N, C-alpha and C. Protein backbone atom coordinates (compact mmCIF):
# COMPACT_ATOMS: atom_id res chain seq x y z
N UNK A 1 8.22 -44.59 -19.67
CA UNK A 1 8.34 -44.34 -20.78
C UNK A 1 7.09 -44.11 -21.50
N UNK A 2 7.15 -43.63 -22.66
CA UNK A 2 6.10 -43.33 -23.43
C UNK A 2 5.21 -44.70 -23.43
N UNK A 3 5.84 -45.81 -23.77
CA UNK A 3 5.07 -46.95 -24.11
C UNK A 3 4.52 -47.69 -22.81
N UNK A 4 5.27 -47.10 -21.69
CA UNK A 4 4.53 -47.79 -20.24
C UNK A 4 3.25 -47.31 -19.93
N UNK A 5 2.79 -47.81 -18.86
CA UNK A 5 1.31 -47.45 -18.40
C UNK A 5 1.12 -46.09 -18.21
N UNK A 6 2.21 -45.35 -17.50
CA UNK A 6 2.21 -44.13 -17.40
C UNK A 6 2.09 -42.95 -18.56
N UNK A 7 3.02 -43.49 -19.49
CA UNK A 7 2.86 -42.72 -20.87
C UNK A 7 1.88 -42.92 -21.74
N UNK A 8 1.00 -44.10 -21.52
CA UNK A 8 -0.27 -44.03 -22.12
C UNK A 8 -1.38 -43.39 -21.80
N UNK A 9 -1.26 -43.11 -20.47
CA UNK A 9 -2.36 -42.54 -19.57
C UNK A 9 -2.24 -41.09 -19.37
N UNK A 10 -1.17 -40.42 -19.35
CA UNK A 10 -0.60 -39.35 -19.19
C UNK A 10 0.40 -38.58 -20.06
N UNK A 11 0.32 -37.51 -20.48
CA UNK A 11 1.34 -36.77 -21.42
C UNK A 11 2.46 -36.25 -20.60
N UNK A 12 3.42 -37.16 -20.17
CA UNK A 12 4.36 -36.90 -19.18
C UNK A 12 5.24 -35.74 -20.12
N UNK A 13 5.33 -35.82 -20.96
CA UNK A 13 6.26 -34.51 -21.68
C UNK A 13 5.74 -33.46 -21.33
N UNK A 14 4.33 -33.35 -21.66
CA UNK A 14 3.51 -32.09 -21.67
C UNK A 14 3.57 -31.74 -20.14
N UNK A 15 3.36 -32.68 -19.28
CA UNK A 15 3.16 -32.23 -17.77
C UNK A 15 4.74 -31.54 -17.33
N UNK A 16 5.71 -32.27 -17.89
CA UNK A 16 7.07 -31.73 -17.56
C UNK A 16 7.44 -30.03 -17.90
N UNK A 17 6.79 -30.04 -19.42
CA UNK A 17 6.78 -28.65 -19.91
C UNK A 17 6.10 -27.74 -19.10
N UNK A 18 5.01 -28.14 -18.59
CA UNK A 18 4.08 -27.31 -17.68
C UNK A 18 4.69 -26.73 -16.44
N UNK A 19 5.34 -27.79 -15.93
CA UNK A 19 5.84 -27.90 -14.50
C UNK A 19 7.09 -26.76 -14.91
N UNK A 20 8.13 -26.97 -15.99
CA UNK A 20 9.12 -26.26 -16.08
C UNK A 20 8.55 -24.62 -16.31
N UNK A 21 7.57 -24.37 -17.05
CA UNK A 21 6.97 -23.08 -17.39
C UNK A 21 6.59 -22.43 -16.33
N UNK A 22 5.92 -23.06 -15.39
CA UNK A 22 5.30 -22.56 -13.63
C UNK A 22 6.60 -22.18 -13.01
N UNK A 23 7.79 -23.47 -12.97
CA UNK A 23 8.74 -22.98 -12.34
C UNK A 23 9.62 -21.69 -12.65
N UNK A 24 9.41 -21.33 -13.98
CA UNK A 24 10.11 -20.44 -14.56
C UNK A 24 9.74 -19.16 -14.17
N UNK A 25 8.13 -19.16 -14.25
CA UNK A 25 7.43 -17.91 -13.55
C UNK A 25 7.68 -17.89 -12.24
N UNK A 26 7.69 -18.72 -11.48
CA UNK A 26 8.04 -18.37 -10.03
C UNK A 26 9.21 -17.82 -9.76
N UNK A 27 10.25 -18.05 -10.67
CA UNK A 27 11.60 -17.29 -10.71
C UNK A 27 11.63 -15.95 -11.06
N UNK A 28 10.66 -15.42 -11.72
CA UNK A 28 10.46 -13.95 -11.98
C UNK A 28 9.87 -13.07 -10.85
N UNK A 29 11.03 -12.43 -10.33
CA UNK A 29 10.58 -11.66 -9.28
C UNK A 29 9.56 -10.43 -9.49
N UNK A 30 9.85 -9.99 -10.81
CA UNK A 30 8.74 -8.94 -11.08
C UNK A 30 7.47 -9.57 -11.08
N UNK A 31 7.31 -10.74 -11.72
CA UNK A 31 5.91 -11.23 -11.72
C UNK A 31 5.56 -11.56 -10.21
N UNK A 32 6.46 -12.02 -8.91
CA UNK A 32 6.13 -12.28 -8.04
C UNK A 32 5.83 -11.01 -7.14
N UNK A 33 6.36 -9.63 -7.56
CA UNK A 33 5.94 -8.40 -6.97
C UNK A 33 4.64 -8.08 -7.25
N UNK A 34 4.16 -8.01 -8.67
CA UNK A 34 2.82 -7.66 -9.30
C UNK A 34 1.72 -8.57 -8.40
N UNK A 35 2.20 -10.03 -8.26
CA UNK A 35 1.27 -10.82 -7.40
C UNK A 35 1.25 -10.17 -6.03
N UNK A 36 2.32 -9.90 -5.67
CA UNK A 36 2.03 -9.15 -4.13
C UNK A 36 1.08 -8.15 -3.95
N UNK A 37 1.30 -7.33 -5.23
CA UNK A 37 0.28 -6.10 -5.17
C UNK A 37 -1.12 -6.48 -5.44
N UNK A 38 -1.21 -7.27 -6.29
CA UNK A 38 -2.55 -7.89 -6.52
C UNK A 38 -2.93 -8.52 -4.99
N UNK A 39 -2.19 -9.16 -4.32
CA UNK A 39 -2.67 -9.71 -3.17
C UNK A 39 -3.26 -8.36 -2.15
N UNK A 40 -2.40 -7.08 -2.08
CA UNK A 40 -2.68 -6.15 -1.46
C UNK A 40 -3.98 -5.46 -1.97
N UNK A 41 -4.00 -5.48 -3.09
CA UNK A 41 -5.63 -4.98 -3.64
C UNK A 41 -6.83 -5.64 -2.97
N UNK A 42 -6.60 -7.16 -3.03
CA UNK A 42 -7.73 -8.13 -2.55
C UNK A 42 -7.84 -8.02 -1.22
N UNK A 43 -6.48 -7.96 -0.18
CA UNK A 43 -6.84 -8.19 1.00
C UNK A 43 -6.24 -7.04 1.95
N UNK A 44 -5.56 -6.24 1.11
CA UNK A 44 -5.02 -4.95 2.11
C UNK A 44 -5.77 -4.20 3.08
N UNK A 45 -7.01 -4.21 2.78
CA UNK A 45 -8.40 -3.58 3.65
C UNK A 45 -8.24 -4.34 5.11
N UNK A 46 -7.93 -5.54 4.90
CA UNK A 46 -8.10 -6.81 6.05
C UNK A 46 -7.30 -6.29 7.11
N UNK A 47 -7.85 -6.28 8.49
CA UNK A 47 -6.89 -5.84 9.65
C UNK A 47 -6.07 -6.51 9.97
N UNK A 48 -6.38 -8.12 9.75
CA UNK A 48 -5.51 -9.18 9.91
C UNK A 48 -4.61 -9.42 9.29
N UNK A 49 -4.50 -8.59 8.22
CA UNK A 49 -3.16 -9.12 7.33
C UNK A 49 -2.38 -8.06 6.75
N UNK A 50 -1.12 -8.20 6.98
CA UNK A 50 -0.08 -7.07 6.43
C UNK A 50 0.70 -7.80 5.24
N UNK A 51 0.17 -6.62 4.24
CA UNK A 51 1.09 -7.33 2.90
C UNK A 51 2.28 -6.29 2.91
N UNK A 52 3.49 -6.52 2.57
CA UNK A 52 4.74 -5.98 2.55
C UNK A 52 4.60 -5.11 1.27
N UNK A 53 5.27 -3.85 1.31
CA UNK A 53 5.37 -2.86 0.07
C UNK A 53 6.28 -3.27 -0.36
N UNK A 54 6.00 -3.24 -1.85
CA UNK A 54 7.18 -3.52 -2.82
C UNK A 54 7.95 -2.15 -3.07
N UNK A 55 9.20 -2.24 -3.40
CA UNK A 55 10.12 -1.10 -3.61
C UNK A 55 10.52 -1.30 -5.12
N UNK A 56 9.51 -1.23 -6.14
CA UNK A 56 9.81 -1.16 -7.54
C UNK A 56 11.29 -0.69 -8.03
N UNK A 57 11.86 0.33 -7.66
CA UNK A 57 12.93 0.99 -8.25
C UNK A 57 14.18 -0.19 -8.01
N UNK A 58 14.15 -0.94 -7.00
CA UNK A 58 15.20 -2.08 -6.59
C UNK A 58 14.73 -3.35 -6.92
N UNK A 59 13.78 -3.50 -7.84
CA UNK A 59 13.33 -4.86 -8.31
C UNK A 59 13.68 -4.94 -9.74
N UNK A 60 14.17 -6.27 -10.00
CA UNK A 60 14.44 -6.81 -11.19
C UNK A 60 13.96 -8.34 -11.32
N UNK A 61 13.96 -8.96 -12.56
CA UNK A 61 13.62 -10.41 -12.67
C UNK A 61 13.92 -11.09 -11.75
N UNK A 62 15.37 -10.86 -11.25
CA UNK A 62 16.24 -11.81 -10.31
C UNK A 62 16.47 -11.12 -8.74
N UNK A 63 15.76 -10.02 -8.54
CA UNK A 63 15.67 -9.37 -7.38
C UNK A 63 14.35 -8.75 -6.82
N UNK A 64 13.97 -9.25 -5.72
CA UNK A 64 12.61 -8.79 -5.20
C UNK A 64 12.98 -7.88 -3.75
N UNK A 65 12.75 -6.75 -3.74
CA UNK A 65 12.89 -5.87 -2.71
C UNK A 65 11.71 -5.27 -2.04
N UNK A 66 11.34 -5.97 -1.08
CA UNK A 66 10.26 -5.38 -0.34
C UNK A 66 10.35 -5.12 1.34
N UNK A 67 9.52 -4.56 1.72
CA UNK A 67 9.22 -4.08 3.12
C UNK A 67 9.56 -5.28 4.07
N UNK A 68 10.17 -4.91 5.04
CA UNK A 68 10.64 -6.21 6.12
C UNK A 68 9.27 -6.17 6.82
N UNK A 69 8.74 -7.20 7.11
CA UNK A 69 7.66 -7.35 8.30
C UNK A 69 8.17 -8.36 9.42
N UNK A 70 7.97 -7.62 10.53
CA UNK A 70 8.15 -8.72 11.82
C UNK A 70 7.07 -9.33 11.78
N UNK A 71 7.23 -10.52 12.27
CA UNK A 71 6.03 -11.61 12.68
C UNK A 71 6.13 -12.95 13.19
N UNK A 72 5.27 -13.73 13.34
CA UNK A 72 5.64 -14.79 13.98
C UNK A 72 5.11 -15.97 12.73
N UNK A 73 6.22 -17.06 12.70
CA UNK A 73 5.75 -17.97 11.72
C UNK A 73 4.57 -18.81 12.17
N UNK A 74 3.77 -19.23 11.18
CA UNK A 74 2.48 -20.01 11.34
C UNK A 74 2.81 -21.43 11.92
N UNK A 75 3.79 -21.82 12.02
CA UNK A 75 4.31 -22.98 12.37
C UNK A 75 4.91 -23.11 13.91
N UNK A 76 4.89 -21.95 14.51
CA UNK A 76 5.71 -21.70 15.65
C UNK A 76 4.23 -21.61 16.70
N UNK A 77 3.61 -22.70 16.90
CA UNK A 77 2.53 -22.49 17.72
C UNK A 77 2.77 -21.78 19.05
N UNK A 78 3.68 -22.13 19.61
CA UNK A 78 3.90 -21.72 21.03
C UNK A 78 4.02 -20.22 21.05
N UNK A 79 4.66 -19.51 20.02
CA UNK A 79 4.87 -17.99 19.76
C UNK A 79 3.65 -17.24 19.62
N UNK A 80 2.70 -18.09 18.76
CA UNK A 80 1.41 -17.67 18.43
C UNK A 80 0.65 -17.41 19.63
N UNK A 81 0.50 -18.78 20.47
CA UNK A 81 -0.25 -18.57 21.86
C UNK A 81 0.35 -17.69 22.78
N UNK A 82 1.65 -17.40 22.85
CA UNK A 82 2.38 -16.47 23.70
C UNK A 82 1.57 -15.13 23.58
N UNK A 83 1.67 -14.98 22.12
CA UNK A 83 1.38 -13.57 21.67
C UNK A 83 -0.26 -13.45 21.51
N UNK A 84 -0.81 -14.48 22.33
CA UNK A 84 -2.18 -14.11 22.83
C UNK A 84 -3.41 -14.24 21.29
N UNK A 85 -2.51 -14.81 20.17
CA UNK A 85 -3.27 -15.04 19.21
C UNK A 85 -4.03 -16.32 19.16
N UNK A 86 -5.15 -16.39 18.21
CA UNK A 86 -5.87 -17.61 18.16
C UNK A 86 -5.51 -18.48 16.86
N UNK A 87 -5.00 -19.50 16.95
CA UNK A 87 -4.55 -20.33 15.88
C UNK A 87 -5.85 -20.62 14.86
N UNK A 88 -7.14 -20.88 15.42
CA UNK A 88 -8.29 -21.02 14.71
C UNK A 88 -8.69 -19.73 13.99
N UNK A 89 -8.56 -18.38 14.48
CA UNK A 89 -8.56 -17.33 13.68
C UNK A 89 -7.86 -17.19 12.57
N UNK A 90 -6.40 -17.37 12.86
CA UNK A 90 -5.47 -17.40 11.93
C UNK A 90 -5.75 -18.22 10.51
N UNK A 91 -6.18 -19.45 10.83
CA UNK A 91 -6.62 -20.51 9.86
C UNK A 91 -7.61 -19.91 8.93
N UNK A 92 -8.79 -19.58 9.88
CA UNK A 92 -9.99 -18.94 9.42
C UNK A 92 -9.63 -17.75 7.91
N UNK A 93 -8.58 -17.12 8.55
CA UNK A 93 -8.26 -15.86 7.70
C UNK A 93 -7.43 -16.27 6.41
N UNK A 94 -6.86 -17.44 6.52
CA UNK A 94 -6.00 -17.97 5.67
C UNK A 94 -7.04 -18.41 4.69
N UNK A 95 -7.89 -19.31 5.11
CA UNK A 95 -8.85 -19.79 4.32
C UNK A 95 -9.77 -19.05 3.42
N UNK A 96 -10.16 -17.81 4.28
CA UNK A 96 -10.65 -16.93 3.49
C UNK A 96 -9.88 -16.25 2.35
N UNK A 97 -8.87 -16.07 2.53
CA UNK A 97 -7.89 -15.47 1.46
C UNK A 97 -7.69 -16.59 0.24
N UNK A 98 -7.76 -17.70 0.65
CA UNK A 98 -7.76 -18.74 -0.66
C UNK A 98 -9.13 -19.13 -1.22
N UNK A 99 -9.91 -18.54 -0.67
CA UNK A 99 -11.44 -18.88 -1.21
C UNK A 99 -11.89 -17.70 -2.15
N UNK A 100 -11.14 -16.56 -2.04
CA UNK A 100 -11.60 -15.43 -2.72
C UNK A 100 -11.01 -15.49 -4.35
């Protein structure tokens, strides 16, 4: 509650409002499509990264239509090794993308 220790230290209602706003943005697929194209501009030139193409005529706030990309889930370590890929290299690529 507002009178409890948490309410005195944190703006709980403000935090909930911020969370709801971010959640609503995540549900806007036009924004997600724009983010995918931004990601492509930043990393599309990198050989180890494939960014699906967005099919804008078929996108709305509630529908995201993009190219199908076959691949291996990063959690499937056995399949990654079977494909001859280096887990350490994939992690490095991911870290480099997140730092830019």
